[in-house]
């Protein structure tokens, strides 16, 4: 604690902005990762603070997803620790149902994030052994800088914090509407329009299907090889089936079996412009982080010709797009299903992250989905809880009452 007072005394101008000491970790992000960590810490009896830049939990789900979205995996693989999905939820919950589940989860574990607090920087102070987390608090038109001083920092902002907009020649000159998939809600407003969907991952495939179902004319850019698997085989989730096989078989053999099953359902998809990678779907996921597409009906629309598959883009002009094969397409709109990236590097200041008594934890960056989030959250909470309980027990022995205690509990 002496080190902490030294930190305060040496910081000129420190008292010119609001600050607080946190007796526990600061969790940055109130999405599934942050909520899961907070719930596990609550079970450990460890106090915490959750900072969220938006005004709601799970802002990515609430604000940056399309209306028809459902979980691609069965609900048992997507539930957070300590609280399963309601039994009456379908096997693949809808976007709205998942948000309801997260809101109930936060309420059940009494998780009350500090909304509209955008972290600007987080720096580990070697002298004091504490993290200094600076956030800008927005209230209407007013903005206030607030600093949290804590022993542990949990980065739970995930890999999808910011949309990726590719640098394509002529894109700025295109005269039609250009939106990222994070701003796409429904194909209703695109009825009868020719829409170019850039990207062929799960989002690109599903946006193309939604456009097709709303009587638009989508063309989907498939620039590189992609694995497309049925969401289910014989009524069983592909993910669940793979998970079971991996308990007994090596990954290369499971990959071969999955591709044989996919061929039995789809046939040869090369002729539709969808070339498969040389590496199997699970091995590709593990080594490159590239998730296979779980088909929910898009491939049938491609086979029927309702969705046009095109190669990579060479350049845009005012009214059309030129492809790498020389073909030109007249289009009305562009949807960039080009993914997301983390924004951690913009605010987490690198340095000596770990000390003898505290450190930084990251959750939601392993590309293992919500099942990975759950296991990571439990491990993080257990690790922090062991140290916190040991130290608070020692403090109790050292003094029964401490009327001058500086650390605020939340």
Protein backbone atom coordinates (compact mmCIF):
# COMPACT_ATOMS: atom_id res chain seq x y z
CA UNK A 1 0.00 0.00 0.00
CA UNK A 2 2.98 2.30 0.61
CA UNK A 3 3.82 1.97 -3.08
CA UNK A 4 0.31 3.07 -3.97
CA UNK A 5 0.54 6.22 -1.87
CA UNK A 6 3.90 6.97 -3.49
CA UNK A 7 2.22 6.64 -6.90
CA UNK A 8 -0.46 9.15 -5.89
CA UNK A 9 2.00 11.62 -4.39
CA UNK A 10 4.33 11.60 -7.39
CA UNK A 11 1.60 12.06 -9.97
CA UNK A 12 1.41 15.82 -10.50
CA UNK A 13 -2.08 16.92 -11.32
CA UNK A 14 -3.49 13.55 -10.22
CA UNK A 15 -6.32 15.13 -8.28
CA UNK A 16 -7.46 17.20 -11.24
CA UNK A 17 -9.60 14.34 -12.47
CA UNK A 18 -11.75 11.70 -10.79
CA UNK A 19 -10.19 8.44 -9.67
CA UNK A 20 -10.88 5.42 -7.50
CA UNK A 21 -9.04 2.41 -6.13
CA UNK A 22 -10.55 -0.97 -6.93
CA UNK A 23 -10.21 -3.85 -4.49
CA UNK A 24 -10.16 -6.45 -7.25
CA UNK A 25 -9.93 -6.54 -11.04
CA UNK A 26 -11.16 -4.08 -13.63
CA UNK A 27 -12.89 -5.91 -16.48
CA UNK A 28 -12.92 -4.05 -19.80
CA UNK A 29 -15.94 -5.09 -21.86
CA UNK A 30 -19.49 -6.16 -20.94
CA UNK A 31 -20.00 -8.74 -23.67
CA UNK A 32 -20.27 -12.49 -22.99
CA UNK A 33 -16.57 -12.69 -22.03
CA UNK A 34 -16.77 -9.88 -19.49
CA UNK A 35 -20.06 -11.11 -18.03
CA UNK A 36 -18.77 -14.68 -17.70
CA UNK A 37 -15.63 -13.50 -15.88
CA UNK A 38 -17.65 -11.23 -13.59
CA UNK A 39 -20.04 -14.07 -12.69
CA UNK A 40 -17.18 -16.41 -11.82
CA UNK A 41 -15.52 -13.70 -9.73
CA UNK A 42 -18.82 -13.14 -7.94
CA UNK A 43 -18.90 -16.85 -7.08
CA UNK A 44 -15.36 -16.50 -5.70
CA UNK A 45 -16.41 -13.53 -3.59
CA UNK A 46 -14.02 -11.19 -5.42
CA UNK A 47 -15.16 -7.58 -6.00
CA UNK A 48 -14.75 -6.16 -9.50
CA UNK A 49 -15.62 -3.29 -11.83
CA UNK A 50 -16.87 -3.80 -15.39
CA UNK A 51 -16.29 -0.93 -17.84
CA UNK A 52 -18.32 -0.79 -21.06
CA UNK A 53 -18.00 1.89 -23.74
CA UNK A 54 -21.59 1.41 -24.99
CA UNK A 55 -24.79 2.02 -23.03
CA UNK A 56 -25.78 -1.66 -22.89
CA UNK A 57 -24.34 -5.11 -22.36
CA UNK A 58 -23.34 -7.19 -25.39
CA UNK A 59 -23.34 -4.15 -27.66
CA UNK A 60 -21.98 -6.17 -30.60
CA UNK A 61 -25.01 -8.45 -30.43
CA UNK A 62 -27.48 -5.68 -29.79
CA UNK A 63 -26.20 -3.14 -32.33
CA UNK A 64 -24.01 -4.85 -34.91
CA UNK A 65 -25.84 -8.00 -35.89
CA UNK A 66 -28.54 -8.67 -38.48
CA UNK A 67 -32.09 -9.51 -37.51
CA UNK A 68 -32.18 -13.12 -38.73
CA UNK A 69 -29.05 -14.14 -36.79
CA UNK A 70 -29.17 -17.29 -34.70
CA UNK A 71 -26.44 -19.07 -32.79
CA UNK A 72 -24.61 -21.35 -35.22
CA UNK A 73 -23.89 -23.91 -32.50
CA UNK A 74 -26.34 -25.73 -30.19
CA UNK A 75 -27.16 -23.84 -27.03
CA UNK A 76 -25.32 -26.27 -24.73
CA UNK A 77 -22.05 -25.19 -26.35
CA UNK A 78 -22.85 -21.47 -26.00
CA UNK A 79 -24.07 -21.07 -22.44
CA UNK A 80 -22.00 -19.15 -19.92
CA UNK A 81 -20.74 -20.59 -16.59
CA UNK A 82 -23.07 -21.26 -13.69
CA UNK A 83 -26.33 -20.63 -15.63
CA UNK A 84 -27.66 -22.69 -18.58
CA UNK A 85 -30.08 -21.45 -21.21
CA UNK A 86 -33.78 -21.78 -20.35
CA UNK A 87 -35.11 -25.23 -21.23
CA UNK A 88 -37.80 -23.79 -23.49
CA UNK A 89 -35.23 -22.08 -25.74
CA UNK A 90 -34.72 -23.79 -29.11
CA UNK A 91 -31.51 -25.65 -29.88
CA UNK A 92 -30.27 -22.63 -31.87
CA UNK A 93 -31.45 -19.52 -29.97
CA UNK A 94 -32.24 -16.38 -31.91
CA UNK A 95 -30.41 -13.09 -31.53
CA UNK A 96 -33.18 -11.74 -29.32
CA UNK A 97 -33.22 -14.84 -27.14
CA UNK A 98 -29.46 -14.74 -26.67
CA UNK A 99 -29.61 -11.09 -25.62
CA UNK A 100 -32.41 -11.91 -23.17
CA UNK A 101 -30.25 -14.69 -21.76
CA UNK A 102 -27.30 -12.33 -21.27
CA UNK A 103 -29.50 -9.71 -19.60
CA UNK A 104 -30.91 -12.36 -17.24
CA UNK A 105 -27.37 -13.58 -16.60
CA UNK A 106 -26.19 -10.11 -15.59
CA UNK A 107 -29.20 -9.65 -13.32
CA UNK A 108 -28.82 -13.09 -11.72
CA UNK A 109 -25.18 -12.43 -10.77
CA UNK A 110 -25.78 -8.78 -9.88
CA UNK A 111 -23.41 -7.52 -12.56
CA UNK A 112 -23.82 -3.78 -13.04
CA UNK A 113 -21.37 -2.49 -15.64
CA UNK A 114 -20.36 1.15 -15.75
CA UNK A 115 -21.78 2.10 -19.14
CA UNK A 116 -20.56 4.85 -21.48
CA UNK A 117 -17.04 4.52 -20.08
CA UNK A 118 -14.55 4.14 -22.93
CA UNK A 119 -11.08 3.02 -21.88
CA UNK A 120 -8.41 5.29 -23.36
CA UNK A 121 -5.34 3.65 -21.87
CA UNK A 122 -4.26 0.97 -19.44
CA UNK A 123 -0.74 1.03 -18.06
CA UNK A 124 1.01 -1.14 -15.53
CA UNK A 125 2.98 0.87 -12.97
CA UNK A 126 6.10 -1.07 -11.99
CA UNK A 127 6.75 1.07 -8.91
CA UNK A 128 3.41 0.47 -7.24
CA UNK A 129 2.49 -2.89 -8.73
CA UNK A 130 -0.89 -1.54 -9.83
CA UNK A 131 -2.69 -1.02 -13.12
CA UNK A 132 -3.83 2.48 -14.04
CA UNK A 133 -6.86 2.39 -16.31
CA UNK A 134 -8.01 5.71 -17.76
CA UNK A 135 -11.51 6.00 -19.17
CA UNK A 136 -13.61 8.80 -20.64
CA UNK A 137 -17.08 8.88 -19.13
CA UNK A 138 -19.79 10.26 -21.42
CA UNK A 139 -22.96 11.74 -19.95
CA UNK A 140 -25.00 13.59 -22.54
CA UNK A 141 -22.69 16.21 -24.03
CA UNK A 142 -20.35 16.11 -21.03
CA UNK A 143 -17.17 14.04 -20.91
CA UNK A 144 -15.10 13.36 -17.82
CA UNK A 145 -11.81 11.53 -17.44
CA UNK A 146 -11.87 8.86 -14.78
CA UNK A 147 -9.00 6.69 -13.59
CA UNK A 148 -9.20 3.28 -11.95
CA UNK A 149 -6.26 1.88 -10.01
CA UNK A 150 -6.36 -1.87 -9.62
CA UNK A 151 -4.24 -4.96 -9.07
CA UNK A 152 -5.65 -6.97 -11.97
CA UNK A 153 -6.82 -6.10 -15.47
CA UNK A 154 -9.11 -8.40 -17.47
CA UNK A 155 -9.27 -7.59 -21.20
CA UNK A 156 -12.68 -8.84 -22.39
CA UNK A 157 -13.21 -6.67 -25.46
CA UNK A 158 -12.85 -9.65 -27.79
CA UNK A 159 -11.66 -9.99 -31.35
CA UNK A 160 -14.66 -8.21 -32.87
CA UNK A 161 -14.40 -4.71 -31.42
CA UNK A 162 -13.92 -2.82 -34.69
CA UNK A 163 -15.17 -3.55 -38.24
CA UNK A 164 -12.55 -4.18 -40.92
CA UNK A 165 -12.97 -2.07 -44.07
CA UNK A 166 -10.64 -3.27 -46.85
CA UNK A 167 -8.68 -0.88 -49.01
CA UNK A 168 -10.06 -1.63 -52.50
CA UNK A 169 -9.21 0.53 -55.48
CA UNK A 170 -12.06 2.86 -56.42
CA UNK A 171 -14.31 1.95 -53.50
CA UNK A 172 -14.57 5.61 -52.45
CA UNK A 173 -15.73 6.48 -55.99
CA UNK A 174 -18.62 4.03 -56.01
CA UNK A 175 -21.90 5.93 -56.29
CA UNK A 176 -24.19 3.45 -54.52
CA UNK A 177 -24.64 2.63 -50.85
CA UNK A 178 -21.74 0.97 -49.02
CA UNK A 179 -22.27 -0.56 -45.58
CA UNK A 180 -20.37 -2.93 -43.38
CA UNK A 181 -22.14 -6.09 -42.22
CA UNK A 182 -22.21 -4.59 -38.71
CA UNK A 183 -24.75 -2.04 -40.01
CA UNK A 184 -26.80 -4.58 -41.99
CA UNK A 185 -30.11 -5.45 -40.34
CA UNK A 186 -32.37 -6.93 -43.02
CA UNK A 187 -32.59 -7.42 -46.77
CA UNK A 188 -36.00 -5.77 -46.84
CA UNK A 189 -34.71 -2.39 -48.01
CA UNK A 190 -32.61 -4.03 -50.74
CA UNK A 191 -35.55 -5.60 -52.55
CA UNK A 192 -35.00 -5.74 -56.35
CA UNK A 193 -31.48 -4.29 -55.97
CA UNK A 194 -28.22 -5.79 -57.22
CA UNK A 195 -26.04 -6.18 -54.13
CA UNK A 196 -22.38 -7.15 -54.00
CA UNK A 197 -21.50 -8.99 -50.78
CA UNK A 198 -17.75 -8.85 -50.16
CA UNK A 199 -16.78 -11.85 -48.05
CA UNK A 200 -17.80 -15.51 -47.85
CA UNK A 201 -17.54 -16.36 -44.16
CA UNK A 202 -20.56 -17.20 -42.03
CA UNK A 203 -21.70 -13.55 -42.10
CA UNK A 204 -21.24 -13.16 -45.86
CA UNK A 205 -23.09 -16.40 -46.53
CA UNK A 206 -25.98 -15.51 -44.23
CA UNK A 207 -26.30 -11.94 -45.49
CA UNK A 208 -26.40 -13.27 -49.06
CA UNK A 209 -29.15 -15.72 -48.08
CA UNK A 210 -31.14 -12.99 -46.35
CA UNK A 211 -30.85 -10.72 -49.40
CA UNK A 212 -32.02 -13.55 -51.62
CA UNK A 213 -35.01 -14.23 -49.37
CA UNK A 214 -35.98 -10.56 -49.70
CA UNK A 215 -35.96 -10.69 -53.51
CA UNK A 216 -32.64 -8.92 -53.96
CA UNK A 217 -30.02 -10.12 -56.45
CA UNK A 218 -26.86 -10.84 -54.44
CA UNK A 219 -23.41 -11.56 -55.86
CA UNK A 220 -20.97 -12.93 -53.30
CA UNK A 221 -17.23 -12.39 -53.62
CA UNK A 222 -15.27 -15.58 -52.91
CA UNK A 223 -11.64 -14.61 -53.14
CA UNK A 224 -10.00 -17.61 -51.47
CA UNK A 225 -10.79 -21.29 -50.70
CA UNK A 226 -13.42 -21.93 -48.06
CA UNK A 227 -14.77 -24.94 -46.20
CA UNK A 228 -18.57 -25.22 -46.25
CA UNK A 229 -20.10 -27.84 -43.95
CA UNK A 230 -23.75 -28.62 -43.20
CA UNK A 231 -24.82 -27.24 -39.84
CA UNK A 232 -26.10 -30.73 -39.01
CA UNK A 233 -25.43 -34.31 -40.11
CA UNK A 234 -28.31 -36.76 -39.61
CA UNK A 235 -29.99 -34.41 -37.13
CA UNK A 236 -26.84 -33.95 -35.02
CA UNK A 237 -24.84 -30.73 -34.88
CA UNK A 238 -21.65 -30.85 -36.97
CA UNK A 239 -19.78 -29.18 -34.10
CA UNK A 240 -21.08 -31.75 -31.62
CA UNK A 241 -20.27 -34.63 -33.97
CA UNK A 242 -16.71 -33.34 -34.48
CA UNK A 243 -16.34 -32.83 -30.74
CA UNK A 244 -17.31 -36.46 -30.09
CA UNK A 245 -15.04 -37.88 -32.80
CA UNK A 246 -12.04 -35.91 -31.52
CA UNK A 247 -12.25 -37.82 -28.24
CA UNK A 248 -11.30 -41.00 -30.06
CA UNK A 249 -9.75 -40.05 -33.40
CA UNK A 250 -6.84 -37.82 -34.55
CA UNK A 251 -7.77 -34.47 -36.05
CA UNK A 252 -6.64 -35.39 -39.58
CA UNK A 253 -9.00 -38.37 -39.62
CA UNK A 254 -11.91 -36.35 -38.25
CA UNK A 255 -11.29 -33.77 -40.99
CA UNK A 256 -11.41 -36.49 -43.65
CA UNK A 257 -14.66 -37.90 -42.25
CA UNK A 258 -16.26 -34.45 -42.11
CA UNK A 259 -15.32 -33.77 -45.74
CA UNK A 260 -16.68 -37.15 -46.84
CA UNK A 261 -19.96 -36.38 -45.08
CA UNK A 262 -20.04 -32.88 -46.61
CA UNK A 263 -19.49 -34.36 -50.08
CA UNK A 264 -22.36 -36.81 -49.49
CA UNK A 265 -24.67 -33.87 -48.74
CA UNK A 266 -23.43 -31.19 -51.19
CA UNK A 267 -21.53 -33.10 -53.83
CA UNK A 268 -18.64 -31.33 -55.56
CA UNK A 269 -18.92 -27.61 -54.76
CA UNK A 270 -15.86 -26.58 -56.80
CA UNK A 271 -18.04 -26.13 -59.86
CA UNK A 272 -20.01 -23.42 -58.05
CA UNK A 273 -16.90 -21.34 -57.41
CA UNK A 274 -16.31 -22.65 -53.90
CA UNK A 275 -12.90 -24.31 -53.77
CA UNK A 276 -11.92 -26.09 -50.60
CA UNK A 277 -8.58 -25.40 -48.87
CA UNK A 278 -5.95 -28.13 -48.96
CA UNK A 279 -5.92 -28.16 -45.16
CA UNK A 280 -8.88 -29.79 -43.37
CA UNK A 281 -11.53 -27.62 -41.65
CA UNK A 282 -10.52 -28.38 -38.05
CA UNK A 283 -6.80 -28.18 -38.70
CA UNK A 284 -7.32 -24.88 -40.53
CA UNK A 285 -9.32 -23.56 -37.59
CA UNK A 286 -6.63 -24.60 -35.10
CA UNK A 287 -3.63 -23.32 -37.06
CA UNK A 288 -4.99 -20.26 -38.90
CA UNK A 289 -8.08 -19.38 -36.87
CA UNK A 290 -10.26 -19.58 -39.98
CA UNK A 291 -13.70 -20.91 -39.08
CA UNK A 292 -15.52 -23.20 -41.54
CA UNK A 293 -18.87 -22.00 -42.81
CA UNK A 294 -21.85 -23.87 -41.35
CA UNK A 295 -24.46 -23.82 -44.09
CA UNK A 296 -28.06 -22.94 -43.23
CA UNK A 297 -29.44 -22.84 -46.76
CA UNK A 298 -27.10 -20.54 -48.69
CA UNK A 299 -25.47 -23.31 -50.69
CA UNK A 300 -28.81 -24.42 -52.14
CA UNK A 301 -29.39 -20.84 -53.35
CA UNK A 302 -25.93 -20.86 -54.92
CA UNK A 303 -26.67 -24.16 -56.67
CA UNK A 304 -29.99 -22.83 -57.96
CA UNK A 305 -28.29 -19.67 -59.27
CA UNK A 306 -30.20 -17.29 -56.98
CA UNK A 307 -26.89 -16.25 -55.42
CA UNK A 308 -24.09 -15.49 -57.86
CA UNK A 309 -20.56 -16.44 -56.77
CA UNK A 310 -17.84 -14.20 -58.22
CA UNK A 311 -14.02 -14.09 -57.84
CA UNK A 312 -11.95 -11.32 -56.26
CA UNK A 313 -12.36 -7.61 -56.94
CA UNK A 314 -9.93 -5.63 -59.10
CA UNK A 315 -11.46 -2.18 -58.76
CA UNK A 316 -14.69 -0.21 -58.33
CA UNK A 317 -16.01 2.59 -60.48
CA UNK A 318 -19.04 4.83 -60.06
CA UNK A 319 -21.65 2.27 -61.13
CA UNK A 320 -19.96 -1.11 -61.40
CA UNK A 321 -17.23 -3.38 -60.11
CA UNK A 322 -14.50 -5.01 -62.17
CA UNK A 323 -13.46 -8.49 -61.09
CA UNK A 324 -10.01 -10.06 -61.34
CA UNK A 325 -11.20 -12.21 -64.28
CA UNK A 326 -12.05 -9.07 -66.26
CA UNK A 327 -15.82 -9.36 -65.81
CA UNK A 328 -17.74 -6.17 -64.96
CA UNK A 329 -20.89 -6.19 -62.83
CA UNK A 330 -23.47 -3.43 -62.56
CA UNK A 331 -24.38 -3.12 -58.89
CA UNK A 332 -26.52 -0.87 -56.73
CA UNK A 333 -25.10 -1.52 -53.26
CA UNK A 334 -22.13 -3.07 -51.47
CA UNK A 335 -22.19 -4.99 -48.17
CA UNK A 336 -18.73 -5.50 -46.67
CA UNK A 337 -18.82 -8.80 -44.80
CA UNK A 338 -15.11 -8.42 -44.20
CA UNK A 339 -14.97 -9.20 -40.52
CA UNK A 340 -13.74 -7.45 -37.41
CA UNK A 341 -10.56 -6.90 -35.46
CA UNK A 342 -9.51 -6.21 -31.89
CA UNK A 343 -8.83 -2.65 -30.73
CA UNK A 344 -6.71 -3.65 -27.72
CA UNK A 345 -3.46 -2.34 -29.18
CA UNK A 346 -4.92 1.17 -29.30
CA UNK A 347 -5.29 1.40 -25.51
CA UNK A 348 -3.34 -1.37 -23.76
CA UNK A 349 0.18 -0.06 -23.30
CA UNK A 350 2.69 -2.86 -23.68
CA UNK A 351 5.39 -3.35 -21.10
CA UNK A 352 6.07 -5.48 -18.07
CA UNK A 353 2.55 -6.83 -17.65
CA UNK A 354 3.13 -9.27 -14.82
CA UNK A 355 4.40 -8.61 -11.35
CA UNK A 356 4.70 -10.89 -8.36
CA UNK A 357 1.26 -9.94 -7.10
CA UNK A 358 -0.90 -9.11 -10.10
CA UNK A 359 -1.22 -9.08 -13.86
CA UNK A 360 -3.31 -8.89 -17.00
CA UNK A 361 -5.71 -11.51 -18.30
CA UNK A 362 -7.27 -11.80 -21.73
CA UNK A 363 -10.49 -13.65 -22.52
CA UNK A 364 -12.32 -14.12 -25.80
CA UNK A 365 -9.24 -14.04 -28.04
CA UNK A 366 -8.62 -17.76 -28.60
CA UNK A 367 -11.23 -18.21 -31.35
CA UNK A 368 -12.79 -21.10 -29.42
CA UNK A 369 -16.23 -19.54 -29.31
CA UNK A 370 -18.42 -19.22 -26.25
CA UNK A 371 -17.39 -22.63 -24.91
CA UNK A 372 -13.81 -21.35 -24.78
CA UNK A 373 -15.01 -18.17 -23.07
CA UNK A 374 -16.66 -20.18 -20.31
CA UNK A 375 -13.61 -22.28 -19.49
CA UNK A 376 -11.29 -19.26 -19.62
CA UNK A 377 -13.58 -17.25 -17.33
CA UNK A 378 -13.55 -19.97 -14.68
CA UNK A 379 -9.76 -20.27 -14.81
CA UNK A 380 -9.22 -16.51 -14.60
CA UNK A 381 -11.59 -16.13 -11.66
CA UNK A 382 -9.99 -19.06 -9.83
CA UNK A 383 -6.51 -17.63 -10.35
CA UNK A 384 -7.44 -14.14 -9.14
CA UNK A 385 -9.59 -15.55 -6.34
CA UNK A 386 -6.74 -17.57 -4.85
CA UNK A 387 -4.49 -14.52 -4.52
CA UNK A 388 -7.29 -12.18 -3.40
CA UNK A 389 -8.51 -14.51 -0.65
CA UNK A 390 -4.99 -15.11 0.59
CA UNK A 391 -4.21 -11.41 0.77
CA UNK A 392 -7.50 -10.35 2.34
CA UNK A 393 -7.09 -13.09 4.94
CA UNK A 394 -3.63 -11.76 5.79
CA UNK A 395 -4.98 -8.22 6.06
CA UNK A 396 -7.71 -9.41 8.45
CA UNK A 397 -5.11 -11.01 10.68
CA UNK A 398 -2.97 -7.86 10.61
CA UNK A 399 -5.76 -5.52 11.68
CA UNK A 400 -9.31 -6.10 12.82
CA UNK A 401 -10.57 -2.64 11.90
CA UNK A 402 -9.11 -0.17 9.42
CA UNK A 403 -11.06 3.07 9.41
CA UNK A 404 -8.59 4.65 6.97
CA UNK A 405 -8.84 1.93 4.34
CA UNK A 406 -8.35 3.43 0.89
CA UNK A 407 -9.55 0.63 -1.37
CA UNK A 408 -13.17 0.96 -2.40
CA UNK A 409 -15.23 -2.19 -2.85
CA UNK A 410 -17.70 -2.41 -5.68
